[in-house]
Amino acid sequence: MTCLSDLPVGARARVVEIGGERNFRRRLMELGLLPGTPVRLVRKADIGGILEVEVRGCHLSLRQAEARHLVLQPS
């Protein structure tokens, strides 16, 4: 198990658990990040600590602090 912020660029994984506050978890689930959902880390921006993630064919941007709340199982 690992968190999203620790994945290497291009790696694929499956969401196992979403941590953090209730409103934060609900927002991520509304964006399609549900347990069991496959994700791919597209890129990491050096400035600002932003991660681009592909989820269900869409690209999402998350802060590294937010990405640490996503527990993943690498594929």
N, C-alpha and C. Protein backbone atom coordinates (compact mmCIF):
# COMPACT_ATOMS: atom_id res chain seq x y z
N MET A 1 0.83 -1.17 0.00
CA MET A 1 0.00 0.00 0.00
C MET A 1 0.89 1.25 0.00
N THR A 2 0.42 2.26 -0.69
CA THR A 2 1.17 3.50 -0.77
C THR A 2 0.17 4.65 -0.93
N CYS A 3 0.66 5.86 -0.80
CA CYS A 3 -0.23 7.00 -1.04
C CYS A 3 0.07 7.57 -2.43
N LEU A 4 -0.87 8.31 -2.97
CA LEU A 4 -0.76 8.83 -4.32
C LEU A 4 0.48 9.69 -4.51
N SER A 5 0.84 10.47 -3.51
CA SER A 5 1.99 11.36 -3.65
C SER A 5 3.32 10.60 -3.75
N ASP A 6 3.34 9.32 -3.35
CA ASP A 6 4.56 8.52 -3.42
C ASP A 6 4.71 7.72 -4.71
N LEU A 7 3.69 7.71 -5.56
CA LEU A 7 3.76 6.96 -6.82
C LEU A 7 4.72 7.63 -7.80
N PRO A 8 5.45 6.87 -8.60
CA PRO A 8 6.25 7.47 -9.66
C PRO A 8 5.35 7.88 -10.83
N VAL A 9 5.80 8.85 -11.59
CA VAL A 9 5.03 9.33 -12.74
C VAL A 9 4.81 8.18 -13.72
N GLY A 10 3.59 8.05 -14.21
CA GLY A 10 3.23 6.99 -15.15
C GLY A 10 2.71 5.73 -14.49
N ALA A 11 2.85 5.63 -13.17
CA ALA A 11 2.42 4.42 -12.45
C ALA A 11 0.90 4.35 -12.36
N ARG A 12 0.42 3.12 -12.38
CA ARG A 12 -1.02 2.86 -12.23
C ARG A 12 -1.25 2.20 -10.88
N ALA A 13 -2.41 2.51 -10.30
CA ALA A 13 -2.76 1.92 -9.01
C ALA A 13 -4.27 1.93 -8.88
N ARG A 14 -4.76 1.29 -7.83
CA ARG A 14 -6.19 1.22 -7.56
C ARG A 14 -6.43 1.83 -6.17
N VAL A 15 -7.46 2.67 -6.06
CA VAL A 15 -7.81 3.33 -4.79
C VAL A 15 -8.30 2.27 -3.81
N VAL A 16 -7.72 2.28 -2.62
CA VAL A 16 -8.12 1.35 -1.56
C VAL A 16 -8.93 2.10 -0.50
N GLU A 17 -8.46 3.30 -0.14
CA GLU A 17 -9.10 4.04 0.95
C GLU A 17 -8.87 5.53 0.74
N ILE A 18 -9.85 6.32 1.17
CA ILE A 18 -9.73 7.78 1.12
C ILE A 18 -9.83 8.29 2.54
N GLY A 19 -8.78 8.97 3.00
CA GLY A 19 -8.77 9.52 4.35
C GLY A 19 -9.08 11.01 4.33
N GLY A 20 -8.91 11.63 5.46
CA GLY A 20 -9.15 13.07 5.56
C GLY A 20 -10.53 13.38 6.10
N GLU A 21 -10.86 14.66 6.08
CA GLU A 21 -12.15 15.12 6.60
C GLU A 21 -13.29 14.68 5.70
N ARG A 22 -14.48 14.66 6.27
CA ARG A 22 -15.65 14.16 5.56
C ARG A 22 -15.93 14.95 4.27
N ASN A 23 -15.87 16.26 4.32
CA ASN A 23 -16.13 17.07 3.13
C ASN A 23 -15.10 16.81 2.04
N PHE A 24 -13.85 16.62 2.44
CA PHE A 24 -12.79 16.32 1.49
C PHE A 24 -13.03 14.97 0.82
N ARG A 25 -13.37 13.95 1.61
CA ARG A 25 -13.64 12.63 1.05
C ARG A 25 -14.82 12.67 0.09
N ARG A 26 -15.86 13.38 0.46
CA ARG A 26 -17.04 13.49 -0.39
C ARG A 26 -16.69 14.18 -1.72
N ARG A 27 -15.87 15.23 -1.67
CA ARG A 27 -15.48 15.93 -2.89
C ARG A 27 -14.71 15.02 -3.83
N LEU A 28 -13.78 14.24 -3.30
CA LEU A 28 -13.02 13.32 -4.14
C LEU A 28 -13.92 12.23 -4.72
N MET A 29 -14.86 11.75 -3.94
CA MET A 29 -15.78 10.72 -4.44
C MET A 29 -16.68 11.29 -5.54
N GLU A 30 -17.09 12.53 -5.42
CA GLU A 30 -17.89 13.17 -6.46
C GLU A 30 -17.09 13.32 -7.76
N LEU A 31 -15.76 13.42 -7.64
CA LEU A 31 -14.90 13.52 -8.82
C LEU A 31 -14.57 12.15 -9.41
N GLY A 32 -15.05 11.08 -8.79
CA GLY A 32 -14.86 9.74 -9.34
C GLY A 32 -13.82 8.90 -8.64
N LEU A 33 -13.21 9.42 -7.59
CA LEU A 33 -12.21 8.66 -6.84
C LEU A 33 -12.92 7.84 -5.76
N LEU A 34 -13.32 6.65 -6.12
CA LEU A 34 -14.00 5.73 -5.21
C LEU A 34 -13.10 4.53 -4.95
N PRO A 35 -13.24 3.86 -3.81
CA PRO A 35 -12.47 2.64 -3.59
C PRO A 35 -12.68 1.66 -4.73
N GLY A 36 -11.58 1.12 -5.24
CA GLY A 36 -11.61 0.19 -6.36
C GLY A 36 -11.35 0.85 -7.71
N THR A 37 -11.36 2.18 -7.77
CA THR A 37 -11.17 2.90 -9.02
C THR A 37 -9.69 2.90 -9.42
N PRO A 38 -9.37 2.53 -10.68
CA PRO A 38 -7.99 2.62 -11.15
C PRO A 38 -7.61 4.07 -11.44
N VAL A 39 -6.38 4.44 -11.11
CA VAL A 39 -5.86 5.78 -11.37
C VAL A 39 -4.46 5.66 -11.97
N ARG A 40 -4.03 6.73 -12.65
CA ARG A 40 -2.67 6.80 -13.19
C ARG A 40 -2.12 8.18 -12.89
N LEU A 41 -0.91 8.24 -12.35
CA LEU A 41 -0.25 9.51 -12.09
C LEU A 41 0.36 10.00 -13.39
N VAL A 42 -0.13 11.11 -13.91
CA VAL A 42 0.30 11.64 -15.20
C VAL A 42 1.56 12.47 -15.05
N ARG A 43 1.55 13.40 -14.09
CA ARG A 43 2.75 14.23 -13.89
C ARG A 43 2.74 14.88 -12.52
N LYS A 44 3.94 15.29 -12.10
CA LYS A 44 4.12 16.04 -10.85
C LYS A 44 4.71 17.40 -11.22
N ALA A 45 4.07 18.45 -10.78
CA ALA A 45 4.59 19.80 -11.01
C ALA A 45 5.55 20.15 -9.88
N ASP A 46 6.73 20.59 -10.23
CA ASP A 46 7.72 20.94 -9.21
C ASP A 46 7.29 22.17 -8.41
N ILE A 47 6.66 23.10 -9.09
CA ILE A 47 6.23 24.33 -8.44
C ILE A 47 4.81 24.15 -7.91
N GLY A 48 4.62 24.37 -6.63
CA GLY A 48 3.29 24.29 -6.05
C GLY A 48 2.88 22.92 -5.57
N GLY A 49 3.65 21.90 -5.87
CA GLY A 49 3.33 20.55 -5.39
C GLY A 49 2.00 20.02 -5.90
N ILE A 50 1.75 20.20 -7.19
CA ILE A 50 0.51 19.75 -7.79
C ILE A 50 0.74 18.44 -8.54
N LEU A 51 -0.22 17.51 -8.41
CA LEU A 51 -0.16 16.23 -9.11
C LEU A 51 -1.31 16.17 -10.11
N GLU A 52 -1.04 15.68 -11.31
CA GLU A 52 -2.09 15.45 -12.30
C GLU A 52 -2.36 13.96 -12.35
N VAL A 53 -3.63 13.60 -12.18
CA VAL A 53 -4.03 12.21 -12.09
C VAL A 53 -5.10 11.93 -13.14
N GLU A 54 -4.99 10.77 -13.81
CA GLU A 54 -6.03 10.34 -14.74
C GLU A 54 -6.95 9.37 -14.01
N VAL A 55 -8.24 9.72 -14.00
CA VAL A 55 -9.27 8.91 -13.34
C VAL A 55 -10.45 8.78 -14.28
N ARG A 56 -10.77 7.56 -14.67
CA ARG A 56 -11.93 7.31 -15.54
C ARG A 56 -11.90 8.16 -16.81
N GLY A 57 -10.71 8.32 -17.40
CA GLY A 57 -10.59 9.07 -18.64
C GLY A 57 -10.50 10.58 -18.48
N CYS A 58 -10.61 11.09 -17.25
CA CYS A 58 -10.51 12.53 -16.99
C CYS A 58 -9.22 12.82 -16.24
N HIS A 59 -8.74 14.04 -16.38
CA HIS A 59 -7.54 14.46 -15.67
C HIS A 59 -7.92 15.39 -14.54
N LEU A 60 -7.43 15.08 -13.33
CA LEU A 60 -7.68 15.87 -12.14
C LEU A 60 -6.36 16.38 -11.60
N SER A 61 -6.39 17.54 -10.98
CA SER A 61 -5.21 18.09 -10.31
C SER A 61 -5.46 18.09 -8.81
N LEU A 62 -4.50 17.58 -8.07
CA LEU A 62 -4.59 17.52 -6.61
C LEU A 62 -3.31 18.07 -6.02
N ARG A 63 -3.42 18.67 -4.85
CA ARG A 63 -2.23 19.09 -4.11
C ARG A 63 -1.60 17.85 -3.48
N GLN A 64 -0.30 17.90 -3.26
CA GLN A 64 0.37 16.75 -2.65
C GLN A 64 -0.18 16.46 -1.27
N ALA A 65 -0.55 17.50 -0.53
CA ALA A 65 -1.13 17.29 0.81
C ALA A 65 -2.43 16.52 0.71
N GLU A 66 -3.22 16.78 -0.32
CA GLU A 66 -4.47 16.05 -0.52
C GLU A 66 -4.18 14.62 -0.97
N ALA A 67 -3.20 14.47 -1.83
CA ALA A 67 -2.87 13.15 -2.38
C ALA A 67 -2.38 12.19 -1.31
N ARG A 68 -1.86 12.72 -0.21
CA ARG A 68 -1.39 11.84 0.86
C ARG A 68 -2.54 11.10 1.57
N HIS A 69 -3.76 11.59 1.39
CA HIS A 69 -4.93 10.96 2.01
C HIS A 69 -5.48 9.80 1.19
N LEU A 70 -4.96 9.60 -0.02
CA LEU A 70 -5.42 8.51 -0.88
C LEU A 70 -4.49 7.30 -0.72
N VAL A 71 -5.01 6.22 -0.19
CA VAL A 71 -4.23 4.99 -0.03
C VAL A 71 -4.51 4.14 -1.28
N LEU A 72 -3.42 3.70 -1.94
CA LEU A 72 -3.53 2.98 -3.19
C LEU A 72 -2.82 1.64 -3.14
N GLN A 73 -3.28 0.75 -3.98
CA GLN A 73 -2.62 -0.56 -4.21
C GLN A 73 -2.02 -0.50 -5.60
N PRO A 74 -0.68 -0.45 -5.73
CA PRO A 74 -0.07 -0.39 -7.07
C PRO A 74 -0.46 -1.61 -7.91
N SER A 75 -0.64 -1.38 -9.21
CA SER A 75 -0.99 -2.49 -10.11
C SER A 75 0.22 -3.00 -10.86
